[in-house]
Amino acid sequence: MRTGLLTEGGYPYVSGDAGLWCDRLVRGLGRHEFDLYVLSRSRRQEEQGLLPLPPQVARVRTAPLWTGEGDGGAVAYGRRARRRFTEHYGELVGAVCATADGGASGAVADRFANALYGLAELAREQGGPGAALRSDIAVRTLERACHAPGAPRTAREARVADLLTVTGHLERALRPLSLDWYGDDALGAADLCHATSGGPAALPGLLARHFHGVPLLVTEYGVHLRSHYLEYLERGPDAAAPAVRALLAAFHGRLATEIYRRAEILTPGNAHARRWQERCGADRARIRTVYPGMAADGFTEAGESPDRAEPDTLVWVGRVEPAKDLISLLHAFAEVRREDPGARLRIVGGPSGPDGPAYLGHCRALAAQLFPDEAEGAHAVGSNPVSFEEIGGPEAPTLPDAYASGAVVVLSSVVEGFPTGLIEAMFCGRATVSTDVGAVVEVIGGTGLVVPPRNPRALADACVALLRDPERRARLGAAARARALELFTVEQNVAAFHGIYLEIVSHCPVRRDLVDASGAPLPFAAPAESHVPARWPATPTWALPTTEPAR
């Protein structure tokens, strides 16, 4: 099977997001042929080069999303082409500005889709619309749509600067329309397009489906639309005007709706992502939850050696940033110390993001304030019951060593997607105490304790309960390890996608015009029964009328 794997800013670049699971998928499906179609995010990413690729990767085609406005060889349209562009772009932004129930109204969704494919056909016939998308015509068309009857109040309040900002964003988001990936020698020759995320990465798959009928599979381990919302929340209300936020949210909502409507199968990474997809119009019957696959080998020894855990020790492992809420964890540990004066807390991980270093410094200062250095006697050296460490140090040379050192592993986040650190702790057979955020409850499945976020008292009570009951810790740890090995390994992830690939191809229309370089038919280009040397009747025998024998 020939698969076009669509990525944005990720695999196969060395510094790409989600590169690990994509690489494991491609290597695990050794009998399939892959063509990689990559949307790169920066020049630096391209200069860092690609990961070593397995032989089943036939080629890699890259298109940059980071080029400036004057790059890309945009085509200047003639009069007729400009008229077509204005018509289709007007319908597109009109659908963006139209009021609809969550972006899933059928009429609005159809209007958006027709306009999108109209722009794609124009780009295929006349060249990329990049120059037109940046032109005054695009800005004036967006302005008219913002003031059309039925447009929301926030759109009507858009200023010129807001219109320019939105126009620039739409131009970047629609750059895949200008690519030369949609011919018979590219995505048109694929048996399947697999987009590794929603948004721009799935747009080439939509166009391959529109032009050639190539089935589309979309995997979202982090929902693109949710990431867009969170990005503006993290940047604060002053990062963009309300009109800009509303219009861009509407555009991404309409695009997500079209992607979910047209994909043969959607594979969210957890139930949380699945609910987002269903709210955006995805058909529940076409959704298959496929958990991310993680390598369990490195954690096997820790899972088989529960005696390596230090009694009365809590361990937190991850990236130090505000979303992890280490402040609540430190206050909870103060309550733990009142119940168990011998308890210790190990915080293992380095700062992450622009706020990480300052947040780590704040956490260190709070730990020093809450827990002054203690000594066993007048002549002993004092030490703090809270330690801040990093992977690779003498106390935690490897990640499995960090998890293995604790009797209980704690997760205190207020925001969490798919908790990979929690699964690593489960592989190690450790009992866990976690906050109820993201996909935590789905991952834990009853094999650990879950408490509300931002509740130090509840977090402390759960930790004390496990520290005082070694037998319960052992039972929960063993159950957690069994659950992780059953659901979250690389092997189950690859097997699930192998079955989904075959399911999609078996249900899609047969394309008999495809041959390989030697002229031989490509795999799956014809159904198996076509190779049987027999003459098949026009009407199957089971459908012929039957006659009752005379009596």
Protein backbone atom coordinates (compact mmCIF):
# COMPACT_ATOMS: atom_id res chain seq x y z
CA MET A 1 0.00 0.00 0.00
CA ARG A 2 1.27 3.46 -0.89
CA THR A 3 0.57 6.00 1.85
CA GLY A 4 1.04 9.75 1.73
CA LEU A 5 1.96 10.79 5.29
CA LEU A 6 1.14 14.48 5.87
CA THR A 7 2.91 16.34 8.70
CA GLU A 8 3.23 19.94 9.84
CA GLY A 9 6.36 21.07 11.61
CA GLY A 10 7.17 17.55 12.73
CA TYR A 11 8.40 14.26 11.33
CA PRO A 12 10.86 13.65 9.72
CA TYR A 13 12.76 16.68 11.00
CA VAL A 14 15.17 16.20 13.90
CA SER A 15 13.51 18.97 15.91
CA GLY A 16 9.94 18.21 14.85
CA ASP A 17 6.92 17.70 17.07
CA ALA A 18 5.40 14.23 17.32
CA GLY A 19 8.36 12.84 15.39
CA LEU A 20 8.79 9.85 17.65
CA TRP A 21 5.38 8.23 17.14
CA CYS A 22 5.47 8.91 13.39
CA ASP A 23 8.89 7.29 13.11
CA ARG A 24 7.73 4.26 15.08
CA LEU A 25 4.63 3.98 12.89
CA VAL A 26 6.59 4.11 9.62
CA ARG A 27 9.17 1.62 10.86
CA GLY A 28 6.50 -0.67 12.27
CA LEU A 29 4.61 -0.84 8.96
CA GLY A 30 7.53 -2.21 6.99
CA ARG A 31 5.37 -3.72 4.23
CA HIS A 32 3.87 -0.38 3.28
CA GLU A 33 5.45 2.31 1.13
CA PHE A 34 5.43 5.87 2.46
CA ASP A 35 5.78 9.24 0.76
CA LEU A 36 6.28 12.04 3.27
CA TYR A 37 4.69 15.44 2.61
CA VAL A 38 5.98 17.92 5.14
CA LEU A 39 4.96 21.50 5.95
CA SER A 40 7.99 23.01 7.69
CA ARG A 41 7.72 25.81 10.26
CA SER A 42 11.11 27.50 10.10
CA ARG A 43 14.35 27.74 8.18
CA ARG A 44 16.22 26.53 11.26
CA GLN A 45 14.15 23.37 11.34
CA GLU A 46 15.02 22.59 7.73
CA GLU A 47 18.72 23.33 8.30
CA GLN A 48 18.86 20.85 11.19
CA GLY A 49 18.08 18.08 8.72
CA LEU A 50 16.05 14.89 8.75
CA LEU A 51 15.99 11.85 10.95
CA PRO A 52 17.45 8.63 9.48
CA LEU A 53 14.64 7.19 7.39
CA PRO A 54 13.80 3.51 6.85
CA PRO A 55 13.84 2.04 3.32
CA GLN A 56 10.03 2.03 3.05
CA VAL A 57 10.11 5.85 2.80
CA ALA A 58 10.27 6.42 -0.95
CA ARG A 59 10.56 10.21 -0.97
CA VAL A 60 10.20 13.37 1.10
CA ARG A 61 8.62 16.54 -0.25
CA THR A 62 8.81 19.72 1.82
CA ALA A 63 6.90 22.99 1.58
CA PRO A 64 7.72 25.91 3.91
CA LEU A 65 5.02 27.74 5.85
CA TRP A 66 7.54 30.23 7.24
CA THR A 67 8.46 32.14 4.06
CA GLY A 68 7.74 35.86 3.94
CA GLU A 69 5.08 37.59 1.97
CA GLY A 70 7.32 38.18 -1.00
CA ASP A 71 8.41 34.56 -1.28
CA GLY A 72 6.84 31.61 -2.97
CA GLY A 73 6.56 32.80 -6.58
CA ALA A 74 2.92 33.88 -6.28
CA VAL A 75 1.05 34.33 -9.55
CA ALA A 76 -0.60 37.63 -10.52
CA TYR A 77 -4.10 36.79 -11.76
CA GLY A 78 -5.73 38.24 -14.85
CA ARG A 79 -9.17 39.82 -14.91
CA ARG A 80 -11.21 36.59 -15.17
CA ALA A 81 -9.11 34.81 -12.58
CA ARG A 82 -9.45 37.77 -10.22
CA ARG A 83 -13.22 37.65 -10.65
CA ARG A 84 -13.25 33.94 -9.80
CA PHE A 85 -10.98 34.54 -6.83
CA THR A 86 -13.18 37.33 -5.49
CA GLU A 87 -16.26 35.13 -5.82
CA HIS A 88 -14.76 32.10 -4.05
CA TYR A 89 -12.89 34.09 -1.39
CA GLY A 90 -16.02 36.10 -0.69
CA GLU A 91 -17.95 32.88 -0.09
CA LEU A 92 -15.15 31.57 2.15
CA VAL A 93 -14.97 34.61 4.43
CA GLY A 94 -18.75 34.92 4.26
CA ALA A 95 -19.01 31.44 5.75
CA VAL A 96 -16.41 32.41 8.37
CA CYS A 97 -18.44 35.47 9.37
CA ALA A 98 -21.80 33.69 9.25
CA THR A 99 -23.48 32.89 12.53
CA ALA A 100 -23.82 29.14 13.03
CA ASP A 101 -24.20 26.73 15.91
CA GLY A 102 -20.57 25.95 16.74
CA GLY A 103 -19.55 26.07 13.07
CA ALA A 104 -21.39 22.82 12.34
CA SER A 105 -24.49 24.16 10.56
CA GLY A 106 -24.94 22.21 7.34
CA ALA A 107 -25.57 25.22 5.09
CA VAL A 108 -22.59 27.17 6.43
CA ALA A 109 -20.34 24.11 6.27
CA ASP A 110 -21.32 23.46 2.64
CA ARG A 111 -20.74 27.11 1.76
CA PHE A 112 -17.27 27.03 3.31
CA ALA A 113 -16.39 23.74 1.58
CA ASN A 114 -17.54 24.87 -1.87
CA ALA A 115 -15.53 28.08 -1.56
CA LEU A 116 -12.43 26.22 -0.36
CA TYR A 117 -12.50 23.75 -3.26
CA GLY A 118 -13.27 26.59 -5.68
CA LEU A 119 -10.05 28.32 -4.60
CA ALA A 120 -8.18 25.01 -4.92
CA GLU A 121 -9.42 24.50 -8.49
CA LEU A 122 -8.46 28.08 -9.34
CA ALA A 123 -4.98 27.48 -7.94
CA ARG A 124 -4.66 24.27 -9.96
CA GLU A 125 -5.65 25.99 -13.21
CA GLN A 126 -4.14 29.48 -12.83
CA GLY A 127 -1.43 29.08 -10.18
CA GLY A 128 -1.24 29.74 -6.46
CA PRO A 129 -3.47 32.48 -5.00
CA GLY A 130 -0.83 33.79 -2.59
CA ALA A 131 -0.64 37.26 -4.17
CA ALA A 132 -4.42 37.53 -4.36
CA LEU A 133 -4.80 36.42 -0.73
CA ARG A 134 -2.51 39.30 0.32
CA SER A 135 -4.08 41.90 -1.97
CA ASP A 136 -6.39 44.80 -1.26
CA ILE A 137 -9.15 42.78 -2.91
CA ALA A 138 -8.89 40.17 -0.14
CA VAL A 139 -8.99 42.83 2.59
CA ARG A 140 -12.00 44.60 1.07
CA THR A 141 -13.79 41.27 0.56
CA LEU A 142 -13.23 40.37 4.21
CA GLU A 143 -14.48 43.80 5.27
CA ARG A 144 -17.71 43.34 3.30
CA ALA A 145 -18.24 39.93 4.89
CA CYS A 146 -17.74 41.39 8.38
CA HIS A 147 -20.50 43.95 7.74
CA ALA A 148 -22.90 41.59 5.95
CA PRO A 149 -26.34 40.93 7.49
CA GLY A 150 -26.12 38.26 10.15
CA ALA A 151 -22.42 38.79 10.92
CA PRO A 152 -21.63 38.67 14.65
CA ARG A 153 -21.04 41.87 16.56
CA THR A 154 -17.33 41.17 17.09
CA ALA A 155 -16.82 40.89 13.32
CA ARG A 156 -18.62 44.17 12.65
CA GLU A 157 -16.29 45.90 15.11
CA ALA A 158 -13.14 44.84 13.21
CA ARG A 159 -10.77 47.71 12.44
CA VAL A 160 -8.46 48.00 9.44
CA ALA A 161 -5.53 46.65 11.47
CA ASP A 162 -7.66 43.67 12.51
CA LEU A 163 -8.64 42.97 8.90
CA LEU A 164 -4.99 43.04 7.83
CA THR A 165 -4.03 40.65 10.63
CA VAL A 166 -6.78 38.18 9.76
CA THR A 167 -5.99 38.40 6.03
CA GLY A 168 -2.33 37.58 6.70
CA HIS A 169 -3.29 34.59 8.83
CA LEU A 170 -5.68 33.25 6.20
CA GLU A 171 -2.99 33.59 3.54
CA ARG A 172 -0.59 31.47 5.60
CA ALA A 173 -3.26 28.91 6.48
CA LEU A 174 -4.27 28.52 2.82
CA ARG A 175 -0.74 28.15 1.42
CA PRO A 176 -1.23 24.40 0.86
CA LEU A 177 -3.63 25.38 -1.96
CA SER A 178 -0.62 26.55 -3.98
CA LEU A 179 1.43 23.34 -3.70
CA ASP A 180 2.22 21.03 -6.61
CA TRP A 181 1.40 17.93 -4.57
CA TYR A 182 -1.90 17.08 -6.23
CA GLY A 183 -0.83 15.52 -9.52
CA ASP A 184 -0.96 11.87 -10.59
CA ASP A 185 2.72 11.51 -9.67
CA ALA A 186 2.21 12.72 -6.08
CA LEU A 187 -0.75 12.48 -3.71
CA GLY A 188 -2.97 11.52 -6.63
CA ALA A 189 -1.12 8.20 -6.84
CA ALA A 190 -1.50 7.34 -3.15
CA ASP A 191 -3.81 4.62 -1.88
CA LEU A 192 -4.31 6.58 1.34
CA CYS A 193 -3.50 10.00 2.81
CA HIS A 194 -2.70 9.96 6.52
CA ALA A 195 -2.63 13.41 8.15
CA THR A 196 -0.83 13.40 11.50
CA SER A 197 -2.83 16.40 12.75
CA GLY A 198 -5.75 18.59 11.81
CA GLY A 199 -5.51 22.10 10.39
CA PRO A 200 -3.04 22.88 7.58
CA ALA A 201 -1.50 19.38 7.70
CA ALA A 202 -4.84 17.83 6.71
CA LEU A 203 -5.61 20.38 3.98
CA PRO A 204 -3.48 18.62 1.32
CA GLY A 205 -5.33 15.41 2.17
CA LEU A 206 -8.67 17.17 1.64
CA LEU A 207 -7.53 18.37 -1.79
CA ALA A 208 -6.20 14.92 -2.77
CA ARG A 209 -9.60 13.52 -1.87
CA HIS A 210 -11.37 16.25 -3.84
CA PHE A 211 -9.25 15.92 -7.00
CA HIS A 212 -8.52 12.17 -7.03
CA GLY A 213 -10.81 10.48 -4.51
CA VAL A 214 -7.88 9.43 -2.30
CA PRO A 215 -9.27 8.42 1.14
CA LEU A 216 -8.18 10.52 4.10
CA LEU A 217 -7.23 9.36 7.61
CA VAL A 218 -6.73 12.05 10.26
CA THR A 219 -4.92 11.40 13.54
CA GLU A 220 -5.10 13.99 16.32
CA TYR A 221 -3.18 13.38 19.51
CA GLY A 222 -3.66 17.07 20.25
CA VAL A 223 -6.77 18.64 18.69
CA HIS A 224 -5.61 21.45 16.38
CA LEU A 225 -8.68 23.60 17.08
CA ARG A 226 -8.24 23.26 20.86
CA SER A 227 -4.55 24.19 20.51
CA HIS A 228 -5.56 27.33 18.64
CA TYR A 229 -7.94 28.33 21.43
CA LEU A 230 -5.37 27.63 24.15
CA GLU A 231 -2.69 29.62 22.31
CA TYR A 232 -4.74 32.79 22.50
CA LEU A 233 -5.72 32.09 26.10
CA GLU A 234 -2.06 31.75 27.10
CA ARG A 235 -1.11 34.93 25.22
CA GLY A 236 -3.78 36.88 27.11
CA PRO A 237 -6.57 39.23 26.01
CA ASP A 238 -4.11 41.94 24.89
CA ALA A 239 -2.36 39.66 22.37
CA ALA A 240 -5.06 40.16 19.73
CA ALA A 241 -8.22 42.19 19.30
CA PRO A 242 -11.54 40.45 19.99
CA ALA A 243 -12.43 40.62 16.27
CA VAL A 244 -9.19 38.88 15.30
CA ARG A 245 -9.69 36.13 17.86
CA ALA A 246 -13.31 35.59 16.83
CA LEU A 247 -12.64 35.50 13.07
CA LEU A 248 -9.64 33.18 13.34
CA ALA A 249 -11.51 30.88 15.72
CA ALA A 250 -14.40 30.74 13.25
CA PHE A 251 -12.08 29.96 10.34
CA HIS A 252 -10.34 27.13 12.16
CA GLY A 253 -13.69 25.83 13.34
CA ARG A 254 -15.06 25.72 9.79
CA LEU A 255 -11.88 24.04 8.53
CA ALA A 256 -12.01 21.43 11.31
CA THR A 257 -15.66 20.73 10.47
CA GLU A 258 -14.82 20.10 6.81
CA ILE A 259 -11.87 17.86 7.70
CA TYR A 260 -13.99 15.80 10.08
CA ARG A 261 -16.82 15.52 7.53
CA ARG A 262 -14.58 14.26 4.71
CA ALA A 263 -12.16 11.97 6.55
CA GLU A 264 -12.87 8.28 6.10
CA ILE A 265 -11.72 7.63 9.66
CA LEU A 266 -10.62 9.87 12.52
CA THR A 267 -8.22 8.52 15.14
CA PRO A 268 -8.11 10.70 18.26
CA GLY A 269 -5.57 9.78 20.90
CA ASN A 270 -8.03 9.82 23.79
CA ALA A 271 -11.66 10.38 24.72
CA HIS A 272 -11.03 14.07 25.42
CA ALA A 273 -9.92 14.63 21.81
CA ARG A 274 -12.79 12.47 20.61
CA ARG A 275 -15.34 14.72 22.31
CA TRP A 276 -13.83 17.77 20.61
CA GLN A 277 -14.13 16.08 17.23
CA GLU A 278 -17.75 15.10 17.83
CA ARG A 279 -18.66 18.65 18.85
CA CYS A 280 -17.17 19.89 15.56
CA GLY A 281 -19.39 17.61 13.49
CA ALA A 282 -17.47 14.32 13.31
CA ASP A 283 -19.56 11.20 12.76
CA ARG A 284 -19.21 8.98 15.82
CA ALA A 285 -19.29 5.85 13.64
CA ARG A 286 -16.09 6.92 11.87
CA ILE A 287 -14.03 7.59 15.00
CA ARG A 288 -11.51 5.05 16.32
CA THR A 289 -9.56 5.92 19.45
CA VAL A 290 -5.90 4.90 19.06
CA TYR A 291 -3.69 5.60 22.03
CA PRO A 292 -0.14 6.86 21.40
CA GLY A 293 2.38 4.06 21.47
CA MET A 294 5.27 4.33 23.92
CA ALA A 295 8.37 2.17 24.24
CA ALA A 296 8.13 0.16 27.47
CA ASP A 297 11.52 -1.54 27.25
CA GLY A 298 13.46 1.05 29.21
CA PHE A 299 11.03 0.86 32.13
CA THR A 300 10.85 -2.94 32.36
CA GLU A 301 13.55 -3.35 34.99
CA ALA A 302 11.96 -0.78 37.29
CA GLY A 303 8.57 -2.43 36.88
CA GLU A 304 9.99 -5.81 37.79
CA SER A 305 11.89 -4.46 40.83
CA PRO A 306 9.40 -2.73 43.13
CA ASP A 307 11.91 -2.98 46.00
CA ARG A 308 14.00 -0.19 44.40
CA ALA A 309 11.49 2.39 45.65
CA GLU A 310 12.56 4.53 48.60
CA PRO A 311 9.91 4.35 51.34
CA ASP A 312 8.08 7.58 52.22
CA THR A 313 9.31 9.22 49.00
CA LEU A 314 7.08 11.08 46.56
CA VAL A 315 8.37 11.70 43.03
CA TRP A 316 7.26 14.28 40.49
CA VAL A 317 8.76 14.05 36.98
CA GLY A 318 8.18 16.45 34.09
CA ARG A 319 8.82 19.89 32.62
CA VAL A 320 8.78 22.68 35.19
CA GLU A 321 6.22 25.26 34.03
CA PRO A 322 3.17 27.01 35.53
CA ALA A 323 0.69 24.51 34.04
CA LYS A 324 2.24 21.76 36.21
CA ASP A 325 1.18 23.63 39.39
CA LEU A 326 4.15 22.71 41.55
CA ILE A 327 3.02 25.43 43.97
CA SER A 328 0.00 23.34 44.95
CA LEU A 329 2.23 20.26 45.16
CA LEU A 330 4.59 22.00 47.61
CA HIS A 331 1.69 23.15 49.79
CA ALA A 332 0.24 19.63 49.66
CA PHE A 333 3.61 18.21 50.72
CA ALA A 334 3.58 20.51 53.73
CA GLU A 335 0.36 18.75 54.80
CA VAL A 336 1.97 15.36 54.10
CA ARG A 337 4.88 16.24 56.39
CA ARG A 338 2.52 16.98 59.25
CA GLU A 339 1.16 13.43 58.96
CA ASP A 340 4.47 11.76 58.04
CA PRO A 341 7.52 13.75 59.22
CA GLY A 342 9.88 11.38 57.40
CA ALA A 343 8.38 11.93 53.95
CA ARG A 344 10.52 13.36 51.15
CA LEU A 345 9.67 14.92 47.79
CA ARG A 346 11.84 14.67 44.69
CA ILE A 347 11.06 17.09 41.85
CA VAL A 348 12.85 15.83 38.74
CA GLY A 349 12.89 17.97 35.60
CA GLY A 350 14.17 21.20 34.11
CA PRO A 351 12.42 24.46 33.23
CA SER A 352 10.37 24.63 30.03
CA GLY A 353 9.05 27.56 28.03
CA PRO A 354 9.66 31.28 28.51
CA ASP A 355 8.20 31.25 32.03
CA GLY A 356 9.97 28.06 33.12
CA PRO A 357 13.18 29.47 34.68
CA ALA A 358 11.35 32.12 36.72
CA TYR A 359 8.74 29.59 37.84
CA LEU A 360 11.45 27.13 38.90
CA GLY A 361 13.12 29.87 40.95
CA HIS A 362 9.81 30.68 42.61
CA CYS A 363 9.28 27.00 43.47
CA ARG A 364 12.77 26.73 44.98
CA ALA A 365 12.16 29.81 47.10
CA LEU A 366 8.80 28.47 48.31
CA ALA A 367 10.35 25.10 49.19
CA ALA A 368 13.08 26.84 51.22
CA GLN A 369 10.43 28.86 53.04
CA LEU A 370 8.07 25.96 53.76
CA PHE A 371 10.78 23.43 54.67
CA PRO A 372 13.87 24.92 56.38
CA ASP A 373 16.90 22.65 56.31
CA GLU A 374 16.65 19.95 58.93
CA ALA A 375 19.35 18.04 60.80
CA GLU A 376 19.13 14.91 62.95
CA GLY A 377 21.34 16.38 65.66
CA ALA A 378 23.38 19.37 66.73
CA HIS A 379 26.47 18.13 64.87
CA ALA A 380 24.77 16.89 61.68
CA VAL A 381 24.45 18.73 58.38
CA GLY A 382 20.92 19.90 57.63
CA SER A 383 19.07 18.98 54.48
CA ASN A 384 15.80 19.95 52.87
CA PRO A 385 13.11 17.27 52.40
CA VAL A 386 12.39 18.71 48.94
CA SER A 387 15.05 18.19 46.27
CA PHE A 388 15.17 19.67 42.76
CA GLU A 389 16.99 17.44 40.28
CA GLU A 390 17.38 16.89 36.56
CA ILE A 391 17.63 13.72 34.50
CA GLY A 392 21.28 12.80 34.02
CA GLY A 393 22.36 13.82 37.53
CA PRO A 394 23.85 11.44 40.09
CA GLU A 395 20.50 10.83 41.82
CA ALA A 396 18.49 10.28 38.58
CA PRO A 397 20.82 9.17 35.78
CA THR A 398 17.91 7.97 33.63
CA LEU A 399 14.16 8.52 33.45
CA PRO A 400 13.32 5.00 34.71
CA ASP A 401 15.66 5.59 37.67
CA ALA A 402 13.72 8.73 38.59
CA TYR A 403 10.38 6.88 38.63
CA ALA A 404 11.86 3.83 40.37
CA SER A 405 13.15 5.89 43.28
CA GLY A 406 9.67 6.85 44.52
CA ALA A 407 7.06 4.92 46.44
CA VAL A 408 4.37 7.14 44.89
CA VAL A 409 4.50 9.17 41.66
CA VAL A 410 2.53 12.44 41.72
CA LEU A 411 1.03 14.51 38.91
CA SER A 412 -0.28 17.93 40.00
CA SER A 413 -1.09 19.62 36.67
CA VAL A 414 -3.94 22.04 36.07
CA VAL A 415 -3.68 21.59 32.28
CA GLU A 416 -2.68 18.30 30.67
CA GLY A 417 -3.30 16.67 27.34
CA PHE A 418 -2.25 13.03 27.15
CA PRO A 419 -0.16 12.36 30.29
CA THR A 420 2.84 10.48 28.92
CA GLY A 421 4.70 10.85 32.22
CA LEU A 422 1.88 9.06 33.98
CA ILE A 423 2.13 6.14 31.55
CA GLU A 424 5.88 5.94 32.13
CA ALA A 425 5.21 5.67 35.86
CA MET A 426 2.65 2.94 35.15
CA PHE A 427 5.21 1.02 33.09
CA CYS A 428 7.46 1.16 36.16
CA GLY A 429 4.73 -0.36 38.30
CA ARG A 430 4.39 2.65 40.60
CA ALA A 431 1.21 3.75 42.36
CA THR A 432 0.16 7.23 41.29
CA VAL A 433 -1.76 10.23 42.63
CA SER A 434 -2.98 12.56 39.86
CA THR A 435 -5.20 15.56 39.32
CA ASP A 436 -8.34 15.13 37.22
CA VAL A 437 -7.28 17.00 34.06
CA GLY A 438 -7.08 16.08 30.38
CA ALA A 439 -7.04 12.35 29.73
CA VAL A 440 -5.77 11.39 33.21
CA VAL A 441 -8.86 9.42 34.31
CA GLU A 442 -8.99 7.61 30.97
CA VAL A 443 -5.33 6.61 31.25
CA ILE A 444 -5.44 5.60 34.91
CA GLY A 445 -8.63 3.56 34.61
CA GLY A 446 -8.93 2.84 38.33
CA THR A 447 -5.27 1.89 38.89
CA GLY A 448 -4.38 5.06 40.80
CA LEU A 449 -5.89 7.83 42.92
CA VAL A 450 -7.32 10.93 41.23
CA VAL A 451 -8.10 14.22 42.99
CA PRO A 452 -9.45 17.63 41.85
CA PRO A 453 -6.86 20.11 40.53
CA ARG A 454 -5.76 23.06 42.65
CA ASN A 455 -6.73 21.21 45.85
CA PRO A 456 -3.60 20.71 48.01
CA ARG A 457 -5.59 19.19 50.88
CA ALA A 458 -7.08 16.43 48.67
CA LEU A 459 -3.68 15.82 47.03
CA ALA A 460 -2.04 15.47 50.44
CA ASP A 461 -4.69 13.09 51.77
CA ALA A 462 -4.29 10.78 48.77
CA CYS A 463 -0.50 10.75 49.08
CA VAL A 464 -0.65 9.98 52.81
CA ALA A 465 -3.15 7.17 52.21
CA LEU A 466 -0.75 5.41 49.82
CA LEU A 467 2.39 6.09 51.87
CA ARG A 468 0.76 4.41 54.88
CA ASP A 469 -0.44 1.32 52.97
CA PRO A 470 2.42 -0.55 51.19
CA GLU A 471 0.17 -3.45 50.17
CA ARG A 472 -2.30 -1.12 48.44
CA ARG A 473 0.61 0.61 46.68
CA ALA A 474 1.83 -2.72 45.40
CA ARG A 475 -1.60 -3.78 44.13
CA LEU A 476 -2.20 -0.47 42.35
CA GLY A 477 1.29 -0.48 40.88
CA ALA A 478 0.92 -3.99 39.47
CA ALA A 479 -2.50 -3.17 38.01
CA ALA A 480 -1.18 0.05 36.49
CA ARG A 481 1.72 -1.76 34.84
CA ALA A 482 -0.57 -4.42 33.37
CA ARG A 483 -2.92 -1.76 32.00
CA ALA A 484 -0.08 0.25 30.43
CA LEU A 485 1.42 -2.83 28.76
CA GLU A 486 -1.98 -3.73 27.33
CA LEU A 487 -3.03 -0.33 25.97
CA PHE A 488 -0.12 2.06 25.53
CA THR A 489 2.72 0.22 23.81
CA VAL A 490 4.20 0.83 20.37
CA GLU A 491 3.07 -2.61 19.27
CA GLN A 492 -0.62 -1.94 19.94
CA ASN A 493 -0.38 1.44 18.20
CA VAL A 494 1.18 -0.01 15.04
CA ALA A 495 -1.26 -2.95 14.98
CA ALA A 496 -4.22 -0.56 15.29
CA PHE A 497 -3.09 1.61 12.38
CA HIS A 498 -2.31 -1.45 10.26
CA GLY A 499 -5.89 -2.62 10.69
CA ILE A 500 -7.29 0.86 10.01
CA TYR A 501 -5.24 1.21 6.81
CA LEU A 502 -6.65 -2.06 5.49
CA GLU A 503 -10.17 -1.16 6.60
CA ILE A 504 -10.09 2.14 4.71
CA VAL A 505 -8.68 0.68 1.50
CA SER A 506 -11.14 -2.22 1.53
CA HIS A 507 -14.11 0.16 1.68
CA CYS A 508 -12.96 2.77 -0.84
CA PRO A 509 -13.70 2.73 -4.60
CA VAL A 510 -11.27 0.68 -6.68
CA ARG A 511 -8.91 2.65 -8.92
CA ARG A 512 -7.76 0.42 -11.79
CA ASP A 513 -5.74 3.08 -13.62
CA LEU A 514 -2.79 2.92 -11.23
CA VAL A 515 0.38 1.01 -12.13
CA ASP A 516 3.91 1.09 -10.81
CA ALA A 517 7.08 2.05 -12.68
CA SER A 518 7.27 -1.36 -14.41
CA GLY A 519 3.66 -1.21 -15.58
CA ALA A 520 2.40 -3.78 -13.07
CA PRO A 521 -0.79 -3.00 -11.12
CA LEU A 522 -0.25 -1.46 -7.74
CA PRO A 523 -1.37 -3.40 -4.65
CA PHE A 524 -5.08 -2.99 -3.88
CA ALA A 525 -5.69 -1.45 -7.34
CA ALA A 526 -8.15 -4.28 -8.07
CA PRO A 527 -10.26 -6.48 -5.80
CA ALA A 528 -9.11 -10.02 -5.11
CA GLU A 529 -12.03 -11.63 -6.96
CA SER A 530 -10.97 -9.97 -10.21
CA HIS A 531 -8.00 -12.35 -10.41
CA VAL A 532 -10.16 -15.50 -10.31
CA PRO A 533 -10.29 -17.10 -13.83
CA ALA A 534 -14.04 -17.25 -14.22
CA ARG A 535 -16.85 -15.41 -15.93
CA TRP A 536 -18.90 -13.60 -13.35
CA PRO A 537 -22.63 -13.22 -14.04
CA ALA A 538 -24.11 -9.74 -14.20
CA THR A 539 -26.52 -10.71 -11.41
CA PRO A 540 -25.26 -12.83 -8.51
CA THR A 541 -27.00 -16.16 -8.05
CA TRP A 542 -28.27 -15.25 -4.61
CA ALA A 543 -30.20 -12.34 -6.17
CA LEU A 544 -31.92 -14.42 -8.89
CA PRO A 545 -35.62 -15.23 -8.37
CA THR A 546 -36.35 -18.74 -7.20
CA THR A 547 -39.12 -21.02 -8.45
CA GLU A 548 -40.88 -23.50 -6.26
CA PRO A 549 -40.87 -27.08 -7.64
CA ALA A 550 -44.22 -28.35 -8.94
CA ARG A 551 -46.19 -30.55 -6.55
